[in-house]
Amino acid sequence: MCSAQKFVMRMAGLTMVTRSRSRSRGSGAGPRGAGEEAAPVRKGEANAEGKKSHGPAKRQRKTQKLSVAYEASDNEKGEGAKLPEAPGWEPPDWQQQLVNIRTMRSGKDAPVDQLGAEHCYDPSAPPKVRRYQVLLSLMLSSQTKDQVTAGAMERLRARGLTVDSILQTDDSTLGALIYPVGFWRSKVKFIKQTSAILQQRYGGDIPSSVAELVALPGVGPKMAHLAMAVAWGAVSGIAVDTHVHRIANRLGWTKTATKSPEKTRAALEAWLPRELWSEINGLLVGFGQQTCLPVRPRCHTCLNRSLCPAAQSRGGS
């Protein structure tokens, strides 16, 4: 081959290489600096690159979806931004009111402090018998002063107060022993029925749950929560009797006025810290026995007279 033919073939090859490189850049590759060579592309990347270059712009954005977290600016806050939840309702002065009641009750000299359910059982009796005696004292205490309940329990214990002894006692004798507790005739019937159930279903012991306790004849929610606390050492809820119900409403410890002890219990448990639940019953019952009386409360001696809505409505007298 002559030199002229070799020169023509060399020029043709150069032209083909130049065209090949130009096509390899493609319309989407963008210009490169002078002398810059294309970086090597792996096979998978080349396929992806080819798909992107020929697909529509919308598809291209979809494959590059990003999750971006950012802090809202002051202008953006409040426009769709979730605000922190407001704290639950609570009485405005309850902490100081509680401190004042504790101060007034520091002497522990109210009837409930000496004659309450925790003082009516025989501490030398077996645990099962002690629990039964606690429940019985609570059943007797309904609508009855602590002094009367304690007297009835003393007479019953003198005869040996157990499930078996009660079931062996005739109704007239039992009535004479518990008289003059409130509704003593009904309580004779309830005590007999409950004692029979305890013997048949619980082996002479008392149930260890509020639901089972309130299912017993003559046992209400207040008795059940106190039985859980005194007999089983468990805080299951706030025991609300007439004293607690009355005082909670007078102090404004319920968001709205409540009409029953059970509604007061629900209202108190909605905001009062659980660690205070076991204290409230004894504290307020004694306060109600000595100062915040049902009729003619002694507001003039009460440390809460300036903080109590009821006292303020009466002129603080």
C-alpha atoms as a PDB file:
ATOM      1  CA  MET A   1       0.000   0.000   0.000  1.00  0.00           C
ATOM      2  CA  CYS A   2       1.346   3.390  -0.977  1.00  0.00           C
ATOM      3  CA  SER A   3       1.876   6.214   1.479  1.00  0.00           C
ATOM      4  CA  ALA A   4      -0.986   8.244  -0.030  1.00  0.00           C
ATOM      5  CA  GLN A   5      -3.451   5.416   0.638  1.00  0.00           C
ATOM      6  CA  LYS A   6      -2.174   5.033   4.233  1.00  0.00           C
ATOM      7  CA  PHE A   7      -2.682   8.738   4.862  1.00  0.00           C
ATOM      8  CA  VAL A   8      -6.291   8.626   3.592  1.00  0.00           C
ATOM      9  CA  MET A   9      -7.130   5.608   5.777  1.00  0.00           C
ATOM     10  CA  ARG A  10      -5.572   7.270   8.865  1.00  0.00           C
ATOM     11  CA  MET A  11      -7.658  10.418   8.337  1.00  0.00           C
ATOM     12  CA  ALA A  12     -10.847   8.370   7.901  1.00  0.00           C
ATOM     13  CA  GLY A  13     -10.194   6.517  11.179  1.00  0.00           C
ATOM     14  CA  LEU A  14      -9.600   9.786  13.025  1.00  0.00           C
ATOM     15  CA  THR A  15     -12.912  11.144  11.752  1.00  0.00           C
ATOM     16  CA  MET A  16     -14.774   8.033  12.930  1.00  0.00           C
ATOM     17  CA  VAL A  17     -13.249   8.257  16.450  1.00  0.00           C
ATOM     18  CA  THR A  18     -14.139  11.955  16.708  1.00  0.00           C
ATOM     19  CA  ARG A  19     -17.747  11.282  15.694  1.00  0.00           C
ATOM     20  CA  SER A  20     -17.976   8.363  18.136  1.00  0.00           C
ATOM     21  CA  ARG A  21     -16.768  10.519  21.047  1.00  0.00           C
ATOM     22  CA  SER A  22     -19.193  13.298  20.109  1.00  0.00           C
ATOM     23  CA  ARG A  23     -22.124  10.868  20.104  1.00  0.00           C
ATOM     24  CA  SER A  24     -21.076   9.321  23.410  1.00  0.00           C
ATOM     25  CA  ARG A  25     -21.456  12.669  25.170  1.00  0.00           C
ATOM     26  CA  GLY A  26     -25.141  12.924  24.185  1.00  0.00           C
ATOM     27  CA  SER A  27     -27.302  16.003  24.384  1.00  0.00           C
ATOM     28  CA  GLY A  28     -27.753  15.651  28.201  1.00  0.00           C
ATOM     29  CA  ALA A  29     -24.074  15.196  29.064  1.00  0.00           C
ATOM     30  CA  GLY A  30     -23.278  18.901  29.062  1.00  0.00           C
ATOM     31  CA  PRO A  31     -20.021  20.506  27.928  1.00  0.00           C
ATOM     32  CA  ARG A  32     -16.725  19.496  29.445  1.00  0.00           C
ATOM     33  CA  GLY A  33     -13.567  21.483  29.891  1.00  0.00           C
ATOM     34  CA  ALA A  34     -10.900  21.350  27.310  1.00  0.00           C
ATOM     35  CA  GLY A  35      -9.025  18.102  27.384  1.00  0.00           C
ATOM     36  CA  GLU A  36     -11.442  16.570  30.007  1.00  0.00           C
ATOM     37  CA  GLU A  37     -12.253  12.906  29.458  1.00  0.00           C
ATOM     38  CA  ALA A  38     -15.492  11.181  30.427  1.00  0.00           C
ATOM     39  CA  ALA A  39     -15.267   9.171  33.666  1.00  0.00           C
ATOM     40  CA  PRO A  40     -15.733   5.424  33.283  1.00  0.00           C
ATOM     41  CA  VAL A  41     -19.323   4.276  33.916  1.00  0.00           C
ATOM     42  CA  ARG A  42     -20.290   0.878  35.246  1.00  0.00           C
ATOM     43  CA  LYS A  43     -22.720  -1.235  33.309  1.00  0.00           C
ATOM     44  CA  GLY A  44     -25.622  -0.772  35.728  1.00  0.00           C
ATOM     45  CA  GLU A  45     -25.023   2.951  35.940  1.00  0.00           C
ATOM     46  CA  ALA A  46     -24.984   3.196  32.185  1.00  0.00           C
ATOM     47  CA  ASN A  47     -28.397   1.516  31.972  1.00  0.00           C
ATOM     48  CA  ALA A  48     -29.827   3.850  34.615  1.00  0.00           C
ATOM     49  CA  GLU A  49     -28.306   6.823  32.911  1.00  0.00           C
ATOM     50  CA  GLY A  50     -29.867   5.793  29.627  1.00  0.00           C
ATOM     51  CA  LYS A  51     -33.300   5.430  31.222  1.00  0.00           C
ATOM     52  CA  LYS A  52     -33.090   8.856  32.841  1.00  0.00           C
ATOM     53  CA  SER A  53     -32.006  10.606  29.664  1.00  0.00           C
ATOM     54  CA  HIS A  54     -34.944   9.238  27.663  1.00  0.00           C
ATOM     55  CA  GLY A  55     -37.684   9.414  30.406  1.00  0.00           C
ATOM     56  CA  PRO A  56     -39.921  12.468  31.017  1.00  0.00           C
ATOM     57  CA  ALA A  57     -38.867  15.152  33.502  1.00  0.00           C
ATOM     58  CA  LYS A  58     -41.587  14.187  36.031  1.00  0.00           C
ATOM     59  CA  ARG A  59     -40.289  10.629  36.238  1.00  0.00           C
ATOM     60  CA  GLN A  60     -36.808  11.920  36.773  1.00  0.00           C
ATOM     61  CA  ARG A  61     -37.920  13.944  39.830  1.00  0.00           C
ATOM     62  CA  LYS A  62     -39.812  10.970  41.262  1.00  0.00           C
ATOM     63  CA  THR A  63     -36.697   8.785  41.353  1.00  0.00           C
ATOM     64  CA  GLN A  64     -34.832  11.506  43.247  1.00  0.00           C
ATOM     65  CA  LYS A  65     -37.371  11.988  46.046  1.00  0.00           C
ATOM     66  CA  LEU A  66     -35.769  13.348  49.226  1.00  0.00           C
ATOM     67  CA  SER A  67     -37.009  13.612  52.829  1.00  0.00           C
ATOM     68  CA  VAL A  68     -35.904  16.908  54.262  1.00  0.00           C
ATOM     69  CA  ALA A  69     -36.335  17.776  57.950  1.00  0.00           C
ATOM     70  CA  TYR A  70     -36.136  21.398  58.930  1.00  0.00           C
ATOM     71  CA  GLU A  71     -37.088  23.702  61.752  1.00  0.00           C
ATOM     72  CA  ALA A  72     -40.009  25.946  61.003  1.00  0.00           C
ATOM     73  CA  SER A  73     -39.311  29.634  60.974  1.00  0.00           C
ATOM     74  CA  ASP A  74     -41.130  32.021  63.258  1.00  0.00           C
ATOM     75  CA  ASN A  75     -43.501  32.937  60.428  1.00  0.00           C
ATOM     76  CA  GLU A  76     -44.309  29.293  59.730  1.00  0.00           C
ATOM     77  CA  LYS A  77     -44.953  28.367  63.368  1.00  0.00           C
ATOM     78  CA  GLY A  78     -48.655  28.334  64.080  1.00  0.00           C
ATOM     79  CA  GLU A  79     -49.524  27.651  60.425  1.00  0.00           C
ATOM     80  CA  GLY A  80     -50.152  23.921  60.539  1.00  0.00           C
ATOM     81  CA  ALA A  81     -47.520  23.389  63.237  1.00  0.00           C
ATOM     82  CA  LYS A  82     -48.720  21.174  66.116  1.00  0.00           C
ATOM     83  CA  LEU A  83     -48.691  23.046  69.393  1.00  0.00           C
ATOM     84  CA  PRO A  84     -47.893  21.242  72.677  1.00  0.00           C
ATOM     85  CA  GLU A  85     -50.955  19.967  74.497  1.00  0.00           C
ATOM     86  CA  ALA A  86     -52.204  22.104  77.356  1.00  0.00           C
ATOM     87  CA  PRO A  87     -51.837  20.579  80.827  1.00  0.00           C
ATOM     88  CA  GLY A  88     -54.930  18.973  82.345  1.00  0.00           C
ATOM     89  CA  TRP A  89     -57.234  20.884  84.621  1.00  0.00           C
ATOM     90  CA  GLU A  90     -56.408  21.200  88.292  1.00  0.00           C
ATOM     91  CA  PRO A  91     -57.715  23.471  91.068  1.00  0.00           C
ATOM     92  CA  PRO A  92     -55.723  26.711  91.277  1.00  0.00           C
ATOM     93  CA  ASP A  93     -54.901  26.610  95.016  1.00  0.00           C
ATOM     94  CA  TRP A  94     -55.044  22.901  95.785  1.00  0.00           C
ATOM     95  CA  GLN A  95     -51.422  22.513  96.856  1.00  0.00           C
ATOM     96  CA  GLN A  96     -51.617  25.259  99.469  1.00  0.00           C
ATOM     97  CA  GLN A  97     -55.035  24.020 100.569  1.00  0.00           C
ATOM     98  CA  LEU A  98     -53.571  20.546 101.070  1.00  0.00           C
ATOM     99  CA  VAL A  99     -50.649  21.913 103.081  1.00  0.00           C
ATOM    100  CA  ASN A 100     -53.079  23.812 105.303  1.00  0.00           C
ATOM    101  CA  ILE A 101     -55.265  20.741 105.874  1.00  0.00           C
ATOM    102  CA  ARG A 102     -52.209  18.679 106.789  1.00  0.00           C
ATOM    103  CA  THR A 103     -51.267  21.354 109.300  1.00  0.00           C
ATOM    104  CA  MET A 104     -54.743  21.364 110.829  1.00  0.00           C
ATOM    105  CA  ARG A 105     -54.738  17.542 110.939  1.00  0.00           C
ATOM    106  CA  SER A 106     -51.240  17.170 112.374  1.00  0.00           C
ATOM    107  CA  GLY A 107     -52.606  16.284 115.818  1.00  0.00           C
ATOM    108  CA  LYS A 108     -54.237  13.081 114.480  1.00  0.00           C
ATOM    109  CA  ASP A 109     -56.943  13.398 117.114  1.00  0.00           C
ATOM    110  CA  ALA A 110     -60.113  13.008 115.040  1.00  0.00           C
ATOM    111  CA  PRO A 111     -62.374   9.961 115.619  1.00  0.00           C
ATOM    112  CA  VAL A 112     -61.223   8.372 112.351  1.00  0.00           C
ATOM    113  CA  ASP A 113     -57.625   8.455 113.578  1.00  0.00           C
ATOM    114  CA  GLN A 114     -58.446   6.266 116.575  1.00  0.00           C
ATOM    115  CA  LEU A 115     -61.479   4.262 115.465  1.00  0.00           C
ATOM    116  CA  GLY A 116     -61.200   3.877 111.680  1.00  0.00           C
ATOM    117  CA  ALA A 117     -61.236   0.541 109.847  1.00  0.00           C
ATOM    118  CA  GLU A 118     -57.498   0.078 110.344  1.00  0.00           C
ATOM    119  CA  HIS A 119     -58.065   0.077 114.135  1.00  0.00           C
ATOM    120  CA  CYS A 120     -61.061  -2.271 114.343  1.00  0.00           C
ATOM    121  CA  TYR A 121     -59.515  -5.649 113.580  1.00  0.00           C
ATOM    122  CA  ASP A 122     -57.666  -8.023 115.892  1.00  0.00           C
ATOM    123  CA  PRO A 123     -53.955  -7.636 115.074  1.00  0.00           C
ATOM    124  CA  SER A 124     -53.196 -11.043 116.631  1.00  0.00           C
ATOM    125  CA  ALA A 125     -55.641 -12.902 114.361  1.00  0.00           C
ATOM    126  CA  PRO A 126     -54.468 -14.814 111.257  1.00  0.00           C
ATOM    127  CA  PRO A 127     -54.170 -12.646 108.102  1.00  0.00           C
ATOM    128  CA  LYS A 128     -57.308 -14.106 106.530  1.00  0.00           C
ATOM    129  CA  VAL A 129     -59.358 -13.343 109.648  1.00  0.00           C
ATOM    130  CA  ARG A 130     -57.920  -9.834 109.918  1.00  0.00           C
ATOM    131  CA  ARG A 131     -58.960  -9.084 106.346  1.00  0.00           C
ATOM    132  CA  TYR A 132     -62.456 -10.383 107.024  1.00  0.00           C
ATOM    133  CA  GLN A 133     -62.727  -8.168 110.105  1.00  0.00           C
ATOM    134  CA  VAL A 134     -61.595  -5.122 108.094  1.00  0.00           C
ATOM    135  CA  LEU A 135     -64.316  -5.751 105.521  1.00  0.00           C
ATOM    136  CA  LEU A 136     -66.948  -6.272 108.209  1.00  0.00           C
ATOM    137  CA  SER A 137     -66.013  -3.023 109.963  1.00  0.00           C
ATOM    138  CA  LEU A 138     -66.355  -1.172 106.660  1.00  0.00           C
ATOM    139  CA  MET A 139     -69.786  -2.684 106.041  1.00  0.00           C
ATOM    140  CA  LEU A 140     -70.899  -1.552 109.504  1.00  0.00           C
ATOM    141  CA  SER A 141     -69.444   1.949 109.074  1.00  0.00           C
ATOM    142  CA  SER A 142     -71.822   3.045 106.320  1.00  0.00           C
ATOM    143  CA  GLN A 143     -74.061   5.871 107.605  1.00  0.00           C
ATOM    144  CA  THR A 144     -72.607   5.309 111.072  1.00  0.00           C
ATOM    145  CA  LYS A 145     -70.241   7.275 113.292  1.00  0.00           C
ATOM    146  CA  ASP A 146     -66.832   5.766 113.945  1.00  0.00           C
ATOM    147  CA  GLN A 147     -67.528   5.475 117.666  1.00  0.00           C
ATOM    148  CA  VAL A 148     -70.649   3.356 117.037  1.00  0.00           C
ATOM    149  CA  THR A 149     -68.860   1.157 114.486  1.00  0.00           C
ATOM    150  CA  ALA A 150     -65.956   0.571 116.859  1.00  0.00           C
ATOM    151  CA  GLY A 151     -68.354  -0.442 119.647  1.00  0.00           C
ATOM    152  CA  ALA A 152     -70.135  -2.959 117.427  1.00  0.00           C
ATOM    153  CA  MET A 153     -66.822  -4.432 116.285  1.00  0.00           C
ATOM    154  CA  GLU A 154     -65.670  -4.782 119.874  1.00  0.00           C
ATOM    155  CA  ARG A 155     -68.796  -6.784 120.777  1.00  0.00           C
ATOM    156  CA  LEU A 156     -68.417  -9.011 117.725  1.00  0.00           C
ATOM    157  CA  ARG A 157     -64.749  -9.670 118.376  1.00  0.00           C
ATOM    158  CA  ALA A 158     -65.505 -10.652 121.971  1.00  0.00           C
ATOM    159  CA  ARG A 159     -67.433 -13.638 120.577  1.00  0.00           C
ATOM    160  CA  GLY A 160     -64.700 -14.585 118.122  1.00  0.00           C
ATOM    161  CA  LEU A 161     -65.232 -12.776 114.854  1.00  0.00           C
ATOM    162  CA  THR A 162     -64.681 -15.148 111.929  1.00  0.00           C
ATOM    163  CA  VAL A 163     -66.669 -16.193 108.878  1.00  0.00           C
ATOM    164  CA  ASP A 164     -67.741 -19.404 110.619  1.00  0.00           C
ATOM    165  CA  SER A 165     -68.779 -17.697 113.861  1.00  0.00           C
ATOM    166  CA  ILE A 166     -70.941 -15.172 111.988  1.00  0.00           C
ATOM    167  CA  LEU A 167     -72.649 -17.900 109.951  1.00  0.00           C
ATOM    168  CA  GLN A 168     -73.385 -19.790 113.182  1.00  0.00           C
ATOM    169  CA  THR A 169     -74.930 -16.695 114.831  1.00  0.00           C
ATOM    170  CA  ASP A 170     -78.686 -16.274 114.396  1.00  0.00           C
ATOM    171  CA  ASP A 171     -80.009 -13.064 112.910  1.00  0.00           C
ATOM    172  CA  SER A 172     -81.557 -11.718 116.111  1.00  0.00           C
ATOM    173  CA  THR A 173     -78.344 -12.165 118.072  1.00  0.00           C
ATOM    174  CA  LEU A 174     -76.289 -10.591 115.311  1.00  0.00           C
ATOM    175  CA  GLY A 175     -78.698  -7.659 115.182  1.00  0.00           C
ATOM    176  CA  ALA A 176     -78.372  -7.124 118.923  1.00  0.00           C
ATOM    177  CA  LEU A 177     -74.572  -7.179 118.661  1.00  0.00           C
ATOM    178  CA  ILE A 178     -74.317  -4.561 115.930  1.00  0.00           C
ATOM    179  CA  TYR A 179     -77.136  -2.286 117.082  1.00  0.00           C
ATOM    180  CA  PRO A 180     -77.301   0.779 116.894  1.00  0.00           C
ATOM    181  CA  VAL A 181     -75.312   1.035 113.634  1.00  0.00           C
ATOM    182  CA  GLY A 182     -77.230   2.684 110.835  1.00  0.00           C
ATOM    183  CA  PHE A 183     -79.582   0.389 108.893  1.00  0.00           C
ATOM    184  CA  TRP A 184     -78.646  -2.468 111.200  1.00  0.00           C
ATOM    185  CA  ARG A 185     -81.432  -4.787 109.979  1.00  0.00           C
ATOM    186  CA  SER A 186     -80.244  -4.555 106.370  1.00  0.00           C
ATOM    187  CA  LYS A 187     -76.656  -5.003 107.505  1.00  0.00           C
ATOM    188  CA  VAL A 188     -77.530  -8.242 109.330  1.00  0.00           C
ATOM    189  CA  LYS A 189     -78.789  -9.638 106.014  1.00  0.00           C
ATOM    190  CA  PHE A 190     -75.805  -8.343 103.998  1.00  0.00           C
ATOM    191  CA  ILE A 191     -73.251  -9.624 106.524  1.00  0.00           C
ATOM    192  CA  LYS A 192     -74.780 -13.111 106.457  1.00  0.00           C
ATOM    193  CA  GLN A 193     -74.960 -13.205 102.652  1.00  0.00           C
ATOM    194  CA  THR A 194     -71.435 -11.887 102.177  1.00  0.00           C
ATOM    195  CA  SER A 195     -69.997 -14.277 104.777  1.00  0.00           C
ATOM    196  CA  ALA A 196     -71.601 -17.242 103.008  1.00  0.00           C
ATOM    197  CA  ILE A 197     -70.122 -16.142  99.673  1.00  0.00           C
ATOM    198  CA  LEU A 198     -66.675 -15.711 101.216  1.00  0.00           C
ATOM    199  CA  GLN A 199     -66.816 -19.205 102.681  1.00  0.00           C
ATOM    200  CA  GLN A 200     -68.019 -20.824  99.459  1.00  0.00           C
ATOM    201  CA  ARG A 201     -65.935 -18.949  96.883  1.00  0.00           C
ATOM    202  CA  TYR A 202     -62.885 -17.581  98.661  1.00  0.00           C
ATOM    203  CA  GLY A 203     -62.133 -20.095 101.396  1.00  0.00           C
ATOM    204  CA  GLY A 204     -63.139 -17.632 104.119  1.00  0.00           C
ATOM    205  CA  ASP A 205     -60.890 -14.856 102.801  1.00  0.00           C
ATOM    206  CA  ILE A 206     -61.975 -11.652 101.067  1.00  0.00           C
ATOM    207  CA  PRO A 207     -61.476 -10.906  97.337  1.00  0.00           C
ATOM    208  CA  SER A 208     -58.372  -8.977  96.290  1.00  0.00           C
ATOM    209  CA  SER A 209     -59.940  -6.811  93.584  1.00  0.00           C
ATOM    210  CA  VAL A 210     -62.371  -3.904  93.612  1.00  0.00           C
ATOM    211  CA  ALA A 211     -64.630  -5.571  91.043  1.00  0.00           C
ATOM    212  CA  GLU A 212     -65.075  -8.687  93.197  1.00  0.00           C
ATOM    213  CA  LEU A 213     -65.497  -6.683  96.388  1.00  0.00           C
ATOM    214  CA  VAL A 214     -68.281  -4.451  95.074  1.00  0.00           C
ATOM    215  CA  ALA A 215     -70.074  -7.574  93.837  1.00  0.00           C
ATOM    216  CA  LEU A 216     -70.563  -8.644  97.462  1.00  0.00           C
ATOM    217  CA  PRO A 217     -73.888  -7.741  99.123  1.00  0.00           C
ATOM    218  CA  GLY A 218     -73.650  -4.502 101.101  1.00  0.00           C
ATOM    219  CA  VAL A 219     -70.197  -3.505  99.795  1.00  0.00           C
ATOM    220  CA  GLY A 220     -69.894  -0.218  97.915  1.00  0.00           C
ATOM    221  CA  PRO A 221     -66.995   1.423  96.054  1.00  0.00           C
ATOM    222  CA  LYS A 222     -65.733   3.402  99.062  1.00  0.00           C
ATOM    223  CA  MET A 223     -65.597   0.236 101.189  1.00  0.00           C
ATOM    224  CA  ALA A 224     -63.907  -1.668  98.368  1.00  0.00           C
ATOM    225  CA  HIS A 225     -61.110   0.895  97.924  1.00  0.00           C
ATOM    226  CA  LEU A 226     -60.555   1.102 101.689  1.00  0.00           C
ATOM    227  CA  ALA A 227     -60.543  -2.701 101.961  1.00  0.00           C
ATOM    228  CA  MET A 228     -57.902  -2.852  99.225  1.00  0.00           C
ATOM    229  CA  ALA A 229     -55.786  -0.296 101.084  1.00  0.00           C
ATOM    230  CA  VAL A 230     -56.183  -1.573 104.670  1.00  0.00           C
ATOM    231  CA  ALA A 231     -56.596  -5.321 104.120  1.00  0.00           C
ATOM    232  CA  TRP A 232     -54.398  -5.831 101.056  1.00  0.00           C
ATOM    233  CA  GLY A 233     -52.054  -2.815 101.192  1.00  0.00           C
ATOM    234  CA  ALA A 234     -52.935  -1.821  97.617  1.00  0.00           C
ATOM    235  CA  VAL A 235     -53.974   1.609  96.342  1.00  0.00           C
ATOM    236  CA  SER A 236     -56.801   0.973  93.881  1.00  0.00           C
ATOM    237  CA  GLY A 237     -58.482   4.387  93.951  1.00  0.00           C
ATOM    238  CA  ILE A 238     -59.629   7.212  96.200  1.00  0.00           C
ATOM    239  CA  ALA A 239     -62.136   6.183  98.857  1.00  0.00           C
ATOM    240  CA  VAL A 240     -64.825   8.874  98.812  1.00  0.00           C
ATOM    241  CA  ASP A 241     -67.442   9.042 101.547  1.00  0.00           C
ATOM    242  CA  THR A 242     -69.793  11.883 102.460  1.00  0.00           C
ATOM    243  CA  HIS A 243     -66.983  13.875 104.109  1.00  0.00           C
ATOM    244  CA  VAL A 244     -64.637  13.666 101.118  1.00  0.00           C
ATOM    245  CA  HIS A 245     -67.511  14.356  98.719  1.00  0.00           C
ATOM    246  CA  ARG A 246     -68.615  17.450 100.639  1.00  0.00           C
ATOM    247  CA  ILE A 247     -65.151  18.927 101.212  1.00  0.00           C
ATOM    248  CA  ALA A 248     -63.925  18.346  97.659  1.00  0.00           C
ATOM    249  CA  ASN A 249     -66.886  20.346  96.340  1.00  0.00           C
ATOM    250  CA  ARG A 250     -66.456  23.102  98.923  1.00  0.00           C
ATOM    251  CA  LEU A 251     -62.768  23.535  98.117  1.00  0.00           C
ATOM    252  CA  GLY A 252     -63.372  23.535  94.365  1.00  0.00           C
ATOM    253  CA  TRP A 253     -61.453  20.289  93.869  1.00  0.00           C
ATOM    254  CA  THR A 254     -63.935  19.172  91.208  1.00  0.00           C
ATOM    255  CA  LYS A 255     -64.067  20.940  87.874  1.00  0.00           C
ATOM    256  CA  THR A 256     -67.844  21.159  88.180  1.00  0.00           C
ATOM    257  CA  ALA A 257     -70.083  20.419  91.139  1.00  0.00           C
ATOM    258  CA  THR A 258     -70.627  16.677  91.591  1.00  0.00           C
ATOM    259  CA  LYS A 259     -73.826  15.079  92.854  1.00  0.00           C
ATOM    260  CA  SER A 260     -72.527  11.767  94.229  1.00  0.00           C
ATOM    261  CA  PRO A 261     -69.412  10.347  95.938  1.00  0.00           C
ATOM    262  CA  GLU A 262     -68.666   8.181  92.901  1.00  0.00           C
ATOM    263  CA  LYS A 263     -68.650  11.188  90.581  1.00  0.00           C
ATOM    264  CA  THR A 264     -66.443  13.009  93.051  1.00  0.00           C
ATOM    265  CA  ARG A 265     -64.043  10.065  93.067  1.00  0.00           C
ATOM    266  CA  ALA A 266     -63.790  10.126  89.272  1.00  0.00           C
ATOM    267  CA  ALA A 267     -63.282  13.900  89.300  1.00  0.00           C
ATOM    268  CA  LEU A 268     -60.510  13.709  91.917  1.00  0.00           C
ATOM    269  CA  GLU A 269     -58.692  10.811  90.261  1.00  0.00           C
ATOM    270  CA  ALA A 270     -58.652  12.778  86.990  1.00  0.00           C
ATOM    271  CA  TRP A 271     -56.152  15.321  88.357  1.00  0.00           C
ATOM    272  CA  LEU A 272     -54.892  14.443  91.847  1.00  0.00           C
ATOM    273  CA  PRO A 273     -51.419  12.800  91.707  1.00  0.00           C
ATOM    274  CA  ARG A 274     -51.705   9.090  92.399  1.00  0.00           C
ATOM    275  CA  GLU A 275     -49.151   9.193  95.188  1.00  0.00           C
ATOM    276  CA  LEU A 276     -51.670  11.235  97.222  1.00  0.00           C
ATOM    277  CA  TRP A 277     -54.660   8.933  96.748  1.00  0.00           C
ATOM    278  CA  SER A 278     -54.035   6.829  99.862  1.00  0.00           C
ATOM    279  CA  GLU A 279     -53.776   9.912 102.065  1.00  0.00           C
ATOM    280  CA  ILE A 280     -56.866  11.839 100.989  1.00  0.00           C
ATOM    281  CA  ASN A 281     -59.590   9.771 102.649  1.00  0.00           C
ATOM    282  CA  GLY A 282     -58.250   9.818 106.207  1.00  0.00           C
ATOM    283  CA  LEU A 283     -57.070  13.406 105.856  1.00  0.00           C
ATOM    284  CA  LEU A 284     -60.396  14.801 104.661  1.00  0.00           C
ATOM    285  CA  VAL A 285     -62.595  12.584 106.839  1.00  0.00           C
ATOM    286  CA  GLY A 286     -60.864  13.848 109.977  1.00  0.00           C
ATOM    287  CA  PHE A 287     -60.987  17.410 108.648  1.00  0.00           C
ATOM    288  CA  GLY A 288     -64.714  16.979 108.072  1.00  0.00           C
ATOM    289  CA  GLN A 289     -65.219  15.597 111.573  1.00  0.00           C
ATOM    290  CA  GLN A 290     -63.448  18.484 113.276  1.00  0.00           C
ATOM    291  CA  THR A 291     -63.539  21.616 111.095  1.00  0.00           C
ATOM    292  CA  CYS A 292     -65.403  21.375 107.784  1.00  0.00           C
ATOM    293  CA  LEU A 293     -68.589  20.107 109.416  1.00  0.00           C
ATOM    294  CA  PRO A 294     -71.675  19.216 107.341  1.00  0.00           C
ATOM    295  CA  VAL A 295     -73.671  21.957 109.069  1.00  0.00           C
ATOM    296  CA  ARG A 296     -72.134  25.199 110.355  1.00  0.00           C
ATOM    297  CA  PRO A 297     -68.531  24.543 109.268  1.00  0.00           C
ATOM    298  CA  ARG A 298     -65.937  26.270 111.435  1.00  0.00           C
ATOM    299  CA  CYS A 299     -64.575  28.510 108.697  1.00  0.00           C
ATOM    300  CA  HIS A 300     -63.293  31.093 111.206  1.00  0.00           C
ATOM    301  CA  THR A 301     -60.759  28.544 112.517  1.00  0.00           C
ATOM    302  CA  CYS A 302     -59.844  27.126 109.092  1.00  0.00           C
ATOM    303  CA  LEU A 303     -56.501  27.999 107.503  1.00  0.00           C
ATOM    304  CA  ASN A 304     -58.165  27.771 104.096  1.00  0.00           C
ATOM    305  CA  ARG A 305     -60.855  30.376 104.747  1.00  0.00           C
ATOM    306  CA  SER A 306     -59.259  32.803 102.252  1.00  0.00           C
ATOM    307  CA  LEU A 307     -58.714  30.038  99.666  1.00  0.00           C
ATOM    308  CA  CYS A 308     -62.017  28.188  99.946  1.00  0.00           C
ATOM    309  CA  PRO A 309     -64.771  29.175  97.499  1.00  0.00           C
ATOM    310  CA  ALA A 310     -67.458  27.964  99.895  1.00  0.00           C
ATOM    311  CA  ALA A 311     -66.066  30.032 102.772  1.00  0.00           C
ATOM    312  CA  GLN A 312     -65.831  33.083 100.541  1.00  0.00           C
ATOM    313  CA  SER A 313     -69.449  32.691  99.508  1.00  0.00           C
ATOM    314  CA  ARG A 314     -70.390  32.717 103.187  1.00  0.00           C
ATOM    315  CA  GLY A 315     -68.267  35.777 103.837  1.00  0.00           C
ATOM    316  CA  GLY A 316     -65.406  33.781 105.343  1.00  0.00           C
ATOM    317  CA  SER A 317     -67.261  33.342 108.634  1.00  0.00           C
END
